[in-house]
Amino acid sequence: MTTGKRVAPVALRLAFGLGIMVIGLLLTLDNFGLLDAHRFVRFWPVLLIVAGVAKLTHRLKAKARTAGYLLIVLGLVLLLVNMHLIEFRLAAALFLLALGAAIAWRAARTPVPACVTPVMDPSRHLDVSVFMAGVKRALSTQDFRGGNAWAVMGGCEIDLTRTSILDDEAVVNVFAFWGGIEIRVPADWTVESRGTAMLGAFEDTSLRPGDEKKKLIVTGTAIMGGVEVKN
């Protein structure tokens, strides 16, 4: 099963590598005056479409399928721009429309627990929102219940190293847009990353403890930004 799961990523990297080689070859021939590379290089967004289709054809989770659809939309829009069929302003509007629809769709499909506490205890829940600024937040509760962290054109540094989880798991929902979120966790926590990165990154460098009694699930979206979880 593990070998089968690795086939699609390897094939995708191979296709991208060959595509970049072709672009390099065309630019080289253009420098020697043997052809007009612009006539062919303008079709480079096809690589994004191929990447999106590869994500859809492979058996992945819903978050990866969402990224696949967005890659296809982005590739199609950029291809139309390069072929002068639509203007860039319209292309940007269409992509933002698709991006917003994807985020709203994922939010609408997220199940809400039946026993939601009307008022969250700020000492046990994380609630951080940053816009064009930076913030550092540290919690020391021994009954961490999860929470939310948003960073738009800013940064969040969240220190959970002095906290503990009484229940089996806690969920932190993050959203980073042109910003970054850093979460530091204790060494005895198991981290499960379920986030979606779009022109950004989700990175987990935390240690893997021997048991999974305390689990932190990090979910959400990083758009042209980054989310990092570490010890």
Protein backbone atom coordinates (compact mmCIF):
# COMPACT_ATOMS: atom_id res chain seq x y z
CA MET A 1 0.00 0.00 0.00
CA THR A 2 2.82 2.40 0.84
CA THR A 3 4.41 1.90 -2.57
CA GLY A 4 1.13 2.66 -4.31
CA LYS A 5 0.71 5.90 -2.40
CA ARG A 6 4.14 7.08 -3.48
CA VAL A 7 3.61 6.47 -7.20
CA ALA A 8 1.55 9.61 -7.85
CA PRO A 9 3.91 12.06 -6.04
CA VAL A 10 6.94 10.58 -7.83
CA ALA A 11 5.19 10.75 -11.21
CA LEU A 12 4.13 14.33 -10.46
CA ARG A 13 7.69 15.40 -9.61
CA LEU A 14 8.93 13.64 -12.74
CA ALA A 15 6.39 15.48 -14.91
CA PHE A 16 7.32 18.81 -13.34
CA GLY A 17 11.01 18.14 -13.81
CA LEU A 18 10.53 17.29 -17.48
CA GLY A 19 8.31 20.35 -17.95
CA ILE A 20 10.95 22.66 -16.47
CA MET A 21 13.60 21.04 -18.66
CA VAL A 22 11.47 21.70 -21.75
CA ILE A 23 11.04 25.36 -20.75
CA GLY A 24 14.80 25.67 -20.21
CA LEU A 25 15.46 24.10 -23.62
CA LEU A 26 13.06 26.49 -25.34
CA LEU A 27 14.68 29.51 -23.66
CA THR A 28 18.12 28.24 -24.68
CA LEU A 29 17.07 27.85 -28.32
CA ASP A 30 15.52 31.32 -28.15
CA ASN A 31 18.84 32.80 -26.98
CA PHE A 32 20.51 31.28 -30.02
CA GLY A 33 17.83 32.74 -32.28
CA LEU A 34 16.59 29.36 -33.42
CA LEU A 35 12.95 29.91 -32.39
CA ASP A 36 10.60 32.30 -30.62
CA ALA A 37 10.31 30.76 -27.15
CA HIS A 38 7.46 33.08 -26.13
CA ARG A 39 5.12 31.22 -28.46
CA PHE A 40 5.60 28.09 -26.36
CA VAL A 41 6.59 29.30 -22.88
CA ARG A 42 3.25 31.08 -22.48
CA PHE A 43 1.66 27.65 -22.11
CA TRP A 44 3.55 26.98 -18.84
CA PRO A 45 0.29 27.12 -16.76
CA VAL A 46 -0.49 23.70 -18.24
CA LEU A 47 1.92 22.38 -15.58
CA LEU A 48 -0.41 23.67 -12.88
CA ILE A 49 -3.37 21.99 -14.57
CA VAL A 50 -1.48 18.70 -14.78
CA ALA A 51 -0.59 18.98 -11.08
CA GLY A 52 -4.23 19.59 -10.20
CA VAL A 53 -5.45 16.66 -12.27
CA ALA A 54 -2.81 14.42 -10.66
CA LYS A 55 -4.12 15.34 -7.20
CA LEU A 56 -7.69 14.55 -8.25
CA THR A 57 -6.87 11.19 -9.83
CA HIS A 58 -4.88 10.02 -6.81
CA ARG A 59 -6.71 8.76 -3.73
CA LEU A 60 -6.25 11.68 -1.38
CA LYS A 61 -8.22 13.38 1.37
CA ALA A 62 -10.73 16.16 0.73
CA LYS A 63 -8.20 18.88 1.57
CA ALA A 64 -5.88 17.63 -1.20
CA ARG A 65 -8.77 17.47 -3.68
CA THR A 66 -9.60 21.09 -2.86
CA ALA A 67 -6.01 22.07 -3.61
CA GLY A 68 -6.25 20.09 -6.86
CA TYR A 69 -9.32 22.01 -8.00
CA LEU A 70 -7.65 25.33 -7.13
CA LEU A 71 -4.53 24.38 -9.10
CA ILE A 72 -6.67 23.56 -12.13
CA VAL A 73 -8.58 26.86 -11.85
CA LEU A 74 -5.36 28.84 -11.38
CA GLY A 75 -3.74 27.11 -14.36
CA LEU A 76 -6.74 27.71 -16.62
CA VAL A 77 -6.99 31.37 -15.63
CA LEU A 78 -3.28 32.04 -16.17
CA LEU A 79 -3.41 30.19 -19.49
CA LEU A 80 -6.26 32.42 -20.65
CA VAL A 81 -4.30 35.49 -19.55
CA ASN A 82 -1.19 34.39 -21.44
CA MET A 83 -3.27 33.79 -24.55
CA HIS A 84 -4.75 37.31 -24.18
CA LEU A 85 -8.29 35.96 -23.97
CA ILE A 86 -9.02 37.69 -20.63
CA GLU A 87 -7.39 40.55 -18.72
CA PHE A 88 -5.32 40.02 -15.60
CA ARG A 89 -7.78 41.96 -13.41
CA LEU A 90 -10.58 39.60 -14.41
CA ALA A 91 -8.29 36.62 -13.89
CA ALA A 92 -7.43 37.75 -10.36
CA ALA A 93 -11.12 38.27 -9.58
CA LEU A 94 -12.01 34.79 -10.85
CA PHE A 95 -9.26 33.13 -8.84
CA LEU A 96 -10.20 34.97 -5.65
CA LEU A 97 -13.82 33.96 -6.25
CA ALA A 98 -12.81 30.30 -6.57
CA LEU A 99 -10.51 30.54 -3.55
CA GLY A 100 -13.18 32.11 -1.38
CA ALA A 101 -15.72 29.51 -2.49
CA ALA A 102 -13.31 26.70 -1.59
CA ILE A 103 -12.66 28.11 1.88
CA ALA A 104 -16.37 28.69 2.51
CA TRP A 105 -17.21 25.17 1.28
CA ARG A 106 -14.69 23.58 3.62
CA ALA A 107 -15.94 25.69 6.53
CA ALA A 108 -19.55 24.72 5.79
CA ARG A 109 -18.68 21.00 5.68
CA THR A 110 -16.73 21.07 8.96
CA PRO A 111 -18.82 19.19 11.53
CA VAL A 112 -19.76 21.12 14.66
CA PRO A 113 -19.68 19.13 17.90
CA ALA A 114 -23.08 18.62 19.48
CA CYS A 115 -21.86 19.74 22.91
CA VAL A 116 -20.42 23.16 22.10
CA THR A 117 -19.73 25.29 25.15
CA PRO A 118 -21.56 28.65 24.74
CA VAL A 119 -18.76 30.62 26.39
CA MET A 120 -15.21 29.37 25.96
CA ASP A 121 -12.83 29.63 28.88
CA PRO A 122 -9.91 31.80 27.62
CA SER A 123 -7.54 30.02 29.98
CA ARG A 124 -8.22 26.68 28.27
CA HIS A 125 -8.94 27.81 24.70
CA LEU A 126 -6.70 29.55 22.20
CA ASP A 127 -8.13 32.56 20.38
CA VAL A 128 -5.62 34.68 18.43
CA SER A 129 -6.28 37.02 15.50
CA VAL A 130 -3.61 39.20 13.90
CA PHE A 131 -3.85 41.70 11.04
CA MET A 132 -0.67 43.40 9.80
CA ALA A 133 0.97 42.91 13.19
CA GLY A 134 2.69 40.33 15.36
CA VAL A 135 1.66 38.69 18.59
CA LYS A 136 3.09 36.20 21.10
CA ARG A 137 0.71 34.12 23.19
CA ALA A 138 1.53 31.54 25.87
CA LEU A 139 -0.85 29.24 27.76
CA SER A 140 -0.17 27.19 30.87
CA THR A 141 -3.45 25.35 31.38
CA GLN A 142 -3.41 21.62 32.15
CA ASP A 143 -6.72 21.17 30.31
CA PHE A 144 -6.09 22.59 26.85
CA ARG A 145 -9.19 22.40 24.65
CA GLY A 146 -7.88 23.77 21.32
CA GLY A 147 -8.95 26.96 19.59
CA ASN A 148 -8.28 29.24 16.62
CA ALA A 149 -5.36 31.26 15.29
CA TRP A 150 -5.60 33.69 12.36
CA ALA A 151 -2.72 35.66 10.84
CA VAL A 152 -3.35 38.00 7.91
CA MET A 153 -0.19 39.80 6.75
CA GLY A 154 1.23 39.25 10.21
CA GLY A 155 2.68 36.63 12.51
CA CYS A 156 1.63 34.57 15.55
CA GLU A 157 3.97 32.84 17.98
CA ILE A 158 2.01 30.45 20.20
CA ASP A 159 3.72 28.70 23.13
CA LEU A 160 1.90 25.62 24.42
CA THR A 161 4.96 23.93 25.97
CA ARG A 162 3.61 24.41 29.52
CA THR A 163 0.13 23.09 28.75
CA SER A 164 -1.35 19.61 28.85
CA ILE A 165 -4.33 17.81 27.32
CA LEU A 166 -6.73 15.93 29.59
CA ASP A 167 -8.96 14.60 26.81
CA ASP A 168 -7.67 12.36 24.04
CA GLU A 169 -7.08 15.23 21.64
CA ALA A 170 -7.39 18.96 21.02
CA VAL A 171 -7.98 20.75 17.71
CA VAL A 172 -6.45 24.06 16.64
CA ASN A 173 -7.84 25.66 13.50
CA VAL A 174 -5.45 28.04 11.76
CA PHE A 175 -5.63 30.47 8.86
CA ALA A 176 -2.53 32.18 7.48
CA PHE A 177 -2.76 34.61 4.57
CA TRP A 178 0.49 36.37 3.67
CA GLY A 179 1.57 35.61 7.21
CA GLY A 180 2.94 32.93 9.48
CA ILE A 181 1.84 30.96 12.54
CA GLU A 182 4.33 29.16 14.78
CA ILE A 183 3.05 26.70 17.41
CA ARG A 184 5.38 25.22 20.03
CA VAL A 185 4.12 22.05 21.72
CA PRO A 186 5.36 19.77 24.55
CA ALA A 187 7.54 16.81 23.65
CA ASP A 188 4.91 14.29 24.79
CA TRP A 189 2.28 15.50 22.31
CA THR A 190 1.56 13.77 19.02
CA VAL A 191 0.83 16.27 16.25
CA GLU A 192 -1.44 15.47 13.33
CA SER A 193 -1.44 18.05 10.53
CA ARG A 194 -4.60 18.24 8.44
CA GLY A 195 -4.04 21.67 6.91
CA THR A 196 -4.18 22.72 3.28
CA ALA A 197 -1.38 24.84 1.82
CA MET A 198 -1.99 26.97 -1.28
CA LEU A 199 1.22 28.62 -2.44
CA GLY A 200 2.29 28.20 1.18
CA ALA A 201 3.41 25.48 3.59
CA PHE A 202 2.34 23.37 6.57
CA GLU A 203 5.39 22.08 8.43
CA ASP A 204 5.56 19.76 11.43
CA THR A 205 9.01 19.25 12.96
CA SER A 206 7.82 18.11 16.38
CA LEU A 207 9.12 14.94 18.01
CA ARG A 208 7.14 11.70 17.87
CA PRO A 209 6.49 10.33 21.38
CA GLY A 210 6.17 6.62 22.08
CA ASP A 211 2.43 6.82 22.78
CA GLU A 212 -0.43 8.92 21.43
CA LYS A 213 -2.22 9.70 24.68
CA LYS A 214 -2.09 13.43 23.97
CA LYS A 215 -2.80 14.46 20.38
CA LEU A 216 -2.94 17.93 18.84
CA ILE A 217 -4.74 18.17 15.50
CA VAL A 218 -3.81 21.23 13.45
CA THR A 219 -6.24 21.99 10.64
CA GLY A 220 -6.93 24.99 8.44
CA THR A 221 -5.49 26.80 5.46
CA ALA A 222 -2.23 28.56 4.59
CA ILE A 223 -2.42 30.85 1.54
CA MET A 224 0.91 32.35 0.50
CA GLY A 225 1.91 31.87 4.13
CA GLY A 226 3.20 29.24 6.49
CA VAL A 227 2.23 27.23 9.55
CA GLU A 228 4.93 25.51 11.61
CA VAL A 229 4.52 23.18 14.59
CA LYS A 230 7.63 22.33 16.62
CA ASN A 231 8.88 21.52 20.12
